[in-house]
Amino acid sequence: MPDRRLPPGQHVPREWPTMHYGPVPRFRPERWDFQVYGATESAGAHRWTWPEFESLPATESVSDFHCVTKFTIHDARWTGVAASLLVELAPPHPDATHVMAWAEYGYSANVRIDDFLRSGVMLATHRDGARLPPEHGYPLRLVVPHLYGWKSVKWLRAVEYLTADRRGFWEERGYHNRADPWAEQRYSYQEEPGEGPPLG
């Protein structure tokens, strides 16, 4: 019987593969900070040190994780700061329409602010009751379970509010701007005219 929880073209692997671009960064808690900036309501930036971020209220969510390389992990249990709480603590300007998530080494991914505020979206510190492994984003990763996994940025360091859409790292290199796994939005050539900002 087919697995109705699998988006088109996906399969369930025996274990969680490790997929990322570039080296695994070293975590230095004394130097680490997290920032929200760009089109904020206050026109200023918000910043948390690692101890400050760890003291924020945590929540838990269980969701499936869909990678564009065609694997799906069922029932991943994430713990961290809900994206909706972050937006309460660092409100965007009313004109903000998108979020750019920034990671170590300048990696980025864009999502619509409505997607960022969806239930289950969080800035995760733990998976399945344990700290994130370094290769899976320790100490912090974005989790956007209803979009392909490259939007769930590992080694997250900042969120930038945008008043106009802008492509992130993989979106500039030919991946779909939206990344809905149920619509199998893998590549930019699948986009409808005007669906995303220009490439290049």
C-alpha atoms as a PDB file:
ATOM      1  CA  MET A   1       0.000   0.000   0.000  1.00  0.00           C
ATOM      2  CA  PRO A   2       1.487   3.410  -0.928  1.00  0.00           C
ATOM      3  CA  ASP A   3       2.602   5.756   1.861  1.00  0.00           C
ATOM      4  CA  ARG A   4       0.177   8.672   1.673  1.00  0.00           C
ATOM      5  CA  ARG A   5       2.591  10.810   3.698  1.00  0.00           C
ATOM      6  CA  LEU A   6       5.225  10.690   0.953  1.00  0.00           C
ATOM      7  CA  PRO A   7       5.233  13.580  -1.534  1.00  0.00           C
ATOM      8  CA  PRO A   8       5.729  12.658  -5.211  1.00  0.00           C
ATOM      9  CA  GLY A   9       9.118  11.137  -6.003  1.00  0.00           C
ATOM     10  CA  GLN A  10      10.161  10.653  -2.358  1.00  0.00           C
ATOM     11  CA  HIS A  11      11.280   7.529  -0.474  1.00  0.00           C
ATOM     12  CA  VAL A  12      12.080   6.691   3.164  1.00  0.00           C
ATOM     13  CA  PRO A  13      15.780   5.859   3.737  1.00  0.00           C
ATOM     14  CA  ARG A  14      17.135   3.513   6.392  1.00  0.00           C
ATOM     15  CA  GLU A  15      18.867   6.412   8.169  1.00  0.00           C
ATOM     16  CA  TRP A  16      19.020  10.197   7.946  1.00  0.00           C
ATOM     17  CA  PRO A  17      21.550  11.134   5.210  1.00  0.00           C
ATOM     18  CA  THR A  18      23.902  14.063   5.711  1.00  0.00           C
ATOM     19  CA  MET A  19      23.477  16.713   3.019  1.00  0.00           C
ATOM     20  CA  HIS A  20      25.070  20.168   3.065  1.00  0.00           C
ATOM     21  CA  TYR A  21      27.271  22.551   1.115  1.00  0.00           C
ATOM     22  CA  GLY A  22      30.720  23.338   2.469  1.00  0.00           C
ATOM     23  CA  PRO A  23      32.442  22.331   5.722  1.00  0.00           C
ATOM     24  CA  VAL A  24      30.808  21.859   9.113  1.00  0.00           C
ATOM     25  CA  PRO A  25      31.503  25.042  11.099  1.00  0.00           C
ATOM     26  CA  ARG A  26      33.014  24.976  14.574  1.00  0.00           C
ATOM     27  CA  PHE A  27      30.722  26.331  17.290  1.00  0.00           C
ATOM     28  CA  ARG A  28      32.335  28.952  19.520  1.00  0.00           C
ATOM     29  CA  PRO A  29      29.662  29.925  22.086  1.00  0.00           C
ATOM     30  CA  GLU A  30      31.579  32.957  23.349  1.00  0.00           C
ATOM     31  CA  ARG A  31      31.572  34.462  19.828  1.00  0.00           C
ATOM     32  CA  TRP A  32      28.202  33.200  18.619  1.00  0.00           C
ATOM     33  CA  ASP A  33      25.196  35.471  18.293  1.00  0.00           C
ATOM     34  CA  PHE A  34      21.866  35.437  16.498  1.00  0.00           C
ATOM     35  CA  GLN A  35      20.417  38.526  14.818  1.00  0.00           C
ATOM     36  CA  VAL A  36      17.168  39.699  13.284  1.00  0.00           C
ATOM     37  CA  TYR A  37      17.565  42.726  11.044  1.00  0.00           C
ATOM     38  CA  GLY A  38      16.387  44.304   7.804  1.00  0.00           C
ATOM     39  CA  ALA A  39      12.808  45.600   7.578  1.00  0.00           C
ATOM     40  CA  THR A  40      12.065  45.442  11.302  1.00  0.00           C
ATOM     41  CA  GLU A  41       9.253  47.390  12.912  1.00  0.00           C
ATOM     42  CA  SER A  42      11.775  49.395  14.956  1.00  0.00           C
ATOM     43  CA  ALA A  43      14.138  49.913  11.977  1.00  0.00           C
ATOM     44  CA  GLY A  44      16.864  48.461  14.191  1.00  0.00           C
ATOM     45  CA  ALA A  45      18.504  45.070  14.667  1.00  0.00           C
ATOM     46  CA  HIS A  46      17.778  42.558  17.434  1.00  0.00           C
ATOM     47  CA  ARG A  47      20.557  40.385  18.853  1.00  0.00           C
ATOM     48  CA  TRP A  48      20.868  37.447  21.232  1.00  0.00           C
ATOM     49  CA  THR A  49      24.023  35.846  22.611  1.00  0.00           C
ATOM     50  CA  TRP A  50      24.035  32.059  22.936  1.00  0.00           C
ATOM     51  CA  PRO A  51      23.056  32.116  26.656  1.00  0.00           C
ATOM     52  CA  GLU A  52      20.291  34.605  25.864  1.00  0.00           C
ATOM     53  CA  PHE A  53      18.974  32.503  23.001  1.00  0.00           C
ATOM     54  CA  GLU A  54      19.051  29.341  25.114  1.00  0.00           C
ATOM     55  CA  SER A  55      16.922  31.091  27.753  1.00  0.00           C
ATOM     56  CA  LEU A  56      14.071  31.786  25.298  1.00  0.00           C
ATOM     57  CA  PRO A  57      10.920  29.689  25.746  1.00  0.00           C
ATOM     58  CA  ALA A  58      11.203  26.409  23.860  1.00  0.00           C
ATOM     59  CA  THR A  59       8.501  24.427  22.121  1.00  0.00           C
ATOM     60  CA  GLU A  60       8.318  20.992  20.489  1.00  0.00           C
ATOM     61  CA  SER A  61       6.910  19.927  17.145  1.00  0.00           C
ATOM     62  CA  VAL A  62       6.759  16.625  15.268  1.00  0.00           C
ATOM     63  CA  SER A  63       6.835  16.743  11.477  1.00  0.00           C
ATOM     64  CA  ASP A  64       8.086  14.970   8.351  1.00  0.00           C
ATOM     65  CA  PHE A  65      11.259  16.235   6.675  1.00  0.00           C
ATOM     66  CA  HIS A  66      11.443  16.205   2.872  1.00  0.00           C
ATOM     67  CA  CYS A  67      14.787  16.603   1.084  1.00  0.00           C
ATOM     68  CA  VAL A  68      14.944  17.669  -2.551  1.00  0.00           C
ATOM     69  CA  THR A  69      17.334  14.742  -3.126  1.00  0.00           C
ATOM     70  CA  LYS A  70      14.210  12.575  -2.771  1.00  0.00           C
ATOM     71  CA  PHE A  71      14.314  11.218   0.770  1.00  0.00           C
ATOM     72  CA  THR A  72      11.698  11.808   3.469  1.00  0.00           C
ATOM     73  CA  ILE A  73      12.131  11.264   7.221  1.00  0.00           C
ATOM     74  CA  HIS A  74       8.867  10.647   9.065  1.00  0.00           C
ATOM     75  CA  ASP A  75       8.090  12.012  12.531  1.00  0.00           C
ATOM     76  CA  ALA A  76      11.172  14.078  13.315  1.00  0.00           C
ATOM     77  CA  ARG A  77      10.719  15.608  16.767  1.00  0.00           C
ATOM     78  CA  TRP A  78      12.183  19.111  16.920  1.00  0.00           C
ATOM     79  CA  THR A  79      12.696  21.329  19.968  1.00  0.00           C
ATOM     80  CA  GLY A  80      13.512  25.012  19.787  1.00  0.00           C
ATOM     81  CA  VAL A  81      12.127  28.528  19.485  1.00  0.00           C
ATOM     82  CA  ALA A  82       8.975  28.833  17.405  1.00  0.00           C
ATOM     83  CA  ALA A  83       9.369  31.208  14.462  1.00  0.00           C
ATOM     84  CA  SER A  84       6.118  32.871  15.537  1.00  0.00           C
ATOM     85  CA  LEU A  85       7.686  33.722  18.913  1.00  0.00           C
ATOM     86  CA  LEU A  86      10.752  35.172  17.219  1.00  0.00           C
ATOM     87  CA  VAL A  87       8.482  37.427  15.166  1.00  0.00           C
ATOM     88  CA  GLU A  88       6.758  38.563  18.396  1.00  0.00           C
ATOM     89  CA  LEU A  89      10.122  39.384  19.973  1.00  0.00           C
ATOM     90  CA  ALA A  90      11.496  41.066  16.837  1.00  0.00           C
ATOM     91  CA  PRO A  91       8.476  42.293  14.853  1.00  0.00           C
ATOM     92  CA  PRO A  92       8.824  42.921  11.118  1.00  0.00           C
ATOM     93  CA  HIS A  93       7.747  46.131   9.445  1.00  0.00           C
ATOM     94  CA  PRO A  94       4.206  45.836   8.013  1.00  0.00           C
ATOM     95  CA  ASP A  95       5.737  46.015   4.512  1.00  0.00           C
ATOM     96  CA  ALA A  96       7.890  42.903   5.080  1.00  0.00           C
ATOM     97  CA  THR A  97       6.864  40.062   2.755  1.00  0.00           C
ATOM     98  CA  HIS A  98       9.754  37.583   2.940  1.00  0.00           C
ATOM     99  CA  VAL A  99      12.490  36.309   5.198  1.00  0.00           C
ATOM    100  CA  MET A 100      16.071  35.516   4.252  1.00  0.00           C
ATOM    101  CA  ALA A 101      17.624  32.958   6.599  1.00  0.00           C
ATOM    102  CA  TRP A 102      21.402  33.362   6.866  1.00  0.00           C
ATOM    103  CA  ALA A 103      23.867  30.708   8.004  1.00  0.00           C
ATOM    104  CA  GLU A 104      27.593  30.404   8.570  1.00  0.00           C
ATOM    105  CA  TYR A 105      29.776  31.069   5.501  1.00  0.00           C
ATOM    106  CA  GLY A 106      27.100  33.250   3.893  1.00  0.00           C
ATOM    107  CA  TYR A 107      24.673  30.442   2.984  1.00  0.00           C
ATOM    108  CA  SER A 108      21.086  31.678   2.658  1.00  0.00           C
ATOM    109  CA  ALA A 109      17.529  30.621   1.789  1.00  0.00           C
ATOM    110  CA  ASN A 110      14.451  32.753   1.214  1.00  0.00           C
ATOM    111  CA  VAL A 111      10.903  31.986   2.376  1.00  0.00           C
ATOM    112  CA  ARG A 112       7.679  33.940   2.312  1.00  0.00           C
ATOM    113  CA  ILE A 113       6.824  35.441   5.685  1.00  0.00           C
ATOM    114  CA  ASP A 114       3.554  33.477   5.658  1.00  0.00           C
ATOM    115  CA  ASP A 115       5.599  30.276   5.334  1.00  0.00           C
ATOM    116  CA  PHE A 116       7.907  31.421   8.142  1.00  0.00           C
ATOM    117  CA  LEU A 117       4.896  31.847  10.433  1.00  0.00           C
ATOM    118  CA  ARG A 118       3.336  28.452   9.681  1.00  0.00           C
ATOM    119  CA  SER A 119       2.746  26.024  12.539  1.00  0.00           C
ATOM    120  CA  GLY A 120       5.769  23.798  13.141  1.00  0.00           C
ATOM    121  CA  VAL A 121       8.345  26.244  11.780  1.00  0.00           C
ATOM    122  CA  MET A 122      11.056  26.767  14.375  1.00  0.00           C
ATOM    123  CA  LEU A 123      14.633  27.595  15.149  1.00  0.00           C
ATOM    124  CA  ALA A 124      15.643  24.182  16.422  1.00  0.00           C
ATOM    125  CA  THR A 125      18.343  23.282  18.921  1.00  0.00           C
ATOM    126  CA  HIS A 126      17.360  19.608  19.407  1.00  0.00           C
ATOM    127  CA  ARG A 127      16.118  16.713  17.300  1.00  0.00           C
ATOM    128  CA  ASP A 128      14.520  13.594  18.769  1.00  0.00           C
ATOM    129  CA  GLY A 129      15.406  14.692  22.297  1.00  0.00           C
ATOM    130  CA  ALA A 130      19.123  15.284  21.706  1.00  0.00           C
ATOM    131  CA  ARG A 131      21.227  18.244  20.685  1.00  0.00           C
ATOM    132  CA  LEU A 132      21.515  18.604  16.938  1.00  0.00           C
ATOM    133  CA  PRO A 133      24.544  16.726  15.617  1.00  0.00           C
ATOM    134  CA  PRO A 134      27.138  19.111  14.154  1.00  0.00           C
ATOM    135  CA  GLU A 135      26.562  17.782  10.627  1.00  0.00           C
ATOM    136  CA  HIS A 136      22.832  18.447  10.984  1.00  0.00           C
ATOM    137  CA  GLY A 137      23.118  22.064  12.079  1.00  0.00           C
ATOM    138  CA  TYR A 138      24.397  22.332  15.678  1.00  0.00           C
ATOM    139  CA  PRO A 139      23.844  24.608  17.471  1.00  0.00           C
ATOM    140  CA  LEU A 140      20.846  26.038  15.589  1.00  0.00           C
ATOM    141  CA  ARG A 141      18.941  25.317  12.417  1.00  0.00           C
ATOM    142  CA  LEU A 142      15.770  26.584  10.841  1.00  0.00           C
ATOM    143  CA  VAL A 143      13.065  23.947  10.331  1.00  0.00           C
ATOM    144  CA  VAL A 144      10.410  24.642   7.672  1.00  0.00           C
ATOM    145  CA  PRO A 145       8.754  21.213   7.459  1.00  0.00           C
ATOM    146  CA  HIS A 146       6.243  21.974   4.707  1.00  0.00           C
ATOM    147  CA  LEU A 147       8.998  22.974   2.220  1.00  0.00           C
ATOM    148  CA  TYR A 148      11.968  21.056   0.833  1.00  0.00           C
ATOM    149  CA  GLY A 149      14.846  20.700   3.253  1.00  0.00           C
ATOM    150  CA  TRP A 150      17.255  23.227   1.736  1.00  0.00           C
ATOM    151  CA  LYS A 151      14.934  25.908   3.149  1.00  0.00           C
ATOM    152  CA  SER A 152      15.618  24.451   6.635  1.00  0.00           C
ATOM    153  CA  VAL A 153      18.949  26.250   6.942  1.00  0.00           C
ATOM    154  CA  LYS A 154      21.643  24.617   9.086  1.00  0.00           C
ATOM    155  CA  TRP A 155      24.011  26.628  11.336  1.00  0.00           C
ATOM    156  CA  LEU A 156      21.555  29.515  11.397  1.00  0.00           C
ATOM    157  CA  ARG A 157      22.945  32.907  12.431  1.00  0.00           C
ATOM    158  CA  ALA A 158      20.449  35.544  11.283  1.00  0.00           C
ATOM    159  CA  VAL A 159      17.029  36.310   9.881  1.00  0.00           C
ATOM    160  CA  GLU A 160      16.646  39.265   7.544  1.00  0.00           C
ATOM    161  CA  TYR A 161      13.184  40.704   6.903  1.00  0.00           C
ATOM    162  CA  LEU A 162      12.668  41.688   3.265  1.00  0.00           C
ATOM    163  CA  THR A 163      10.128  43.985   1.604  1.00  0.00           C
ATOM    164  CA  ALA A 164      10.673  42.221  -1.741  1.00  0.00           C
ATOM    165  CA  ASP A 165      11.600  38.640  -2.547  1.00  0.00           C
ATOM    166  CA  ARG A 166      15.242  37.780  -3.171  1.00  0.00           C
ATOM    167  CA  ARG A 167      16.671  34.378  -4.066  1.00  0.00           C
ATOM    168  CA  GLY A 168      18.953  32.574  -1.643  1.00  0.00           C
ATOM    169  CA  PHE A 169      21.994  30.404  -2.294  1.00  0.00           C
ATOM    170  CA  TRP A 170      20.397  27.391  -4.021  1.00  0.00           C
ATOM    171  CA  GLU A 171      17.574  29.430  -5.530  1.00  0.00           C
ATOM    172  CA  GLU A 172      20.210  31.461  -7.422  1.00  0.00           C
ATOM    173  CA  ARG A 173      21.706  28.183  -8.652  1.00  0.00           C
ATOM    174  CA  GLY A 174      18.579  26.769 -10.245  1.00  0.00           C
ATOM    175  CA  TYR A 175      16.428  25.476  -7.417  1.00  0.00           C
ATOM    176  CA  HIS A 176      12.747  26.392  -7.172  1.00  0.00           C
ATOM    177  CA  ASN A 177      11.960  29.644  -5.392  1.00  0.00           C
ATOM    178  CA  ARG A 178       9.045  28.209  -3.358  1.00  0.00           C
ATOM    179  CA  ALA A 179      10.034  24.526  -2.836  1.00  0.00           C
ATOM    180  CA  ASP A 180       6.694  22.855  -2.088  1.00  0.00           C
ATOM    181  CA  PRO A 181       7.383  19.082  -1.992  1.00  0.00           C
ATOM    182  CA  TRP A 182       3.737  18.157  -2.631  1.00  0.00           C
ATOM    183  CA  ALA A 183       3.852  20.125  -5.895  1.00  0.00           C
ATOM    184  CA  GLU A 184       7.360  18.685  -6.556  1.00  0.00           C
ATOM    185  CA  GLN A 185       8.805  22.178  -6.957  1.00  0.00           C
ATOM    186  CA  ARG A 186      12.451  21.176  -7.237  1.00  0.00           C
ATOM    187  CA  TYR A 187      13.936  23.410  -9.957  1.00  0.00           C
ATOM    188  CA  SER A 188      13.549  26.976 -11.199  1.00  0.00           C
ATOM    189  CA  TYR A 189      12.550  25.875 -14.718  1.00  0.00           C
ATOM    190  CA  GLN A 190       9.304  24.608 -13.138  1.00  0.00           C
ATOM    191  CA  GLU A 191       8.344  28.099 -11.970  1.00  0.00           C
ATOM    192  CA  GLU A 192       5.454  29.884 -13.595  1.00  0.00           C
ATOM    193  CA  PRO A 193       6.253  33.247 -15.237  1.00  0.00           C
ATOM    194  CA  GLY A 194       6.602  35.891 -12.529  1.00  0.00           C
ATOM    195  CA  GLU A 195       6.557  33.302  -9.718  1.00  0.00           C
ATOM    196  CA  GLY A 196       9.926  34.362  -8.344  1.00  0.00           C
ATOM    197  CA  PRO A 197      12.504  37.129  -8.681  1.00  0.00           C
ATOM    198  CA  PRO A 198      14.789  37.004 -11.723  1.00  0.00           C
ATOM    199  CA  LEU A 199      17.715  34.585 -11.706  1.00  0.00           C
ATOM    200  CA  GLY A 200      21.208  35.993 -11.751  1.00  0.00           C
END
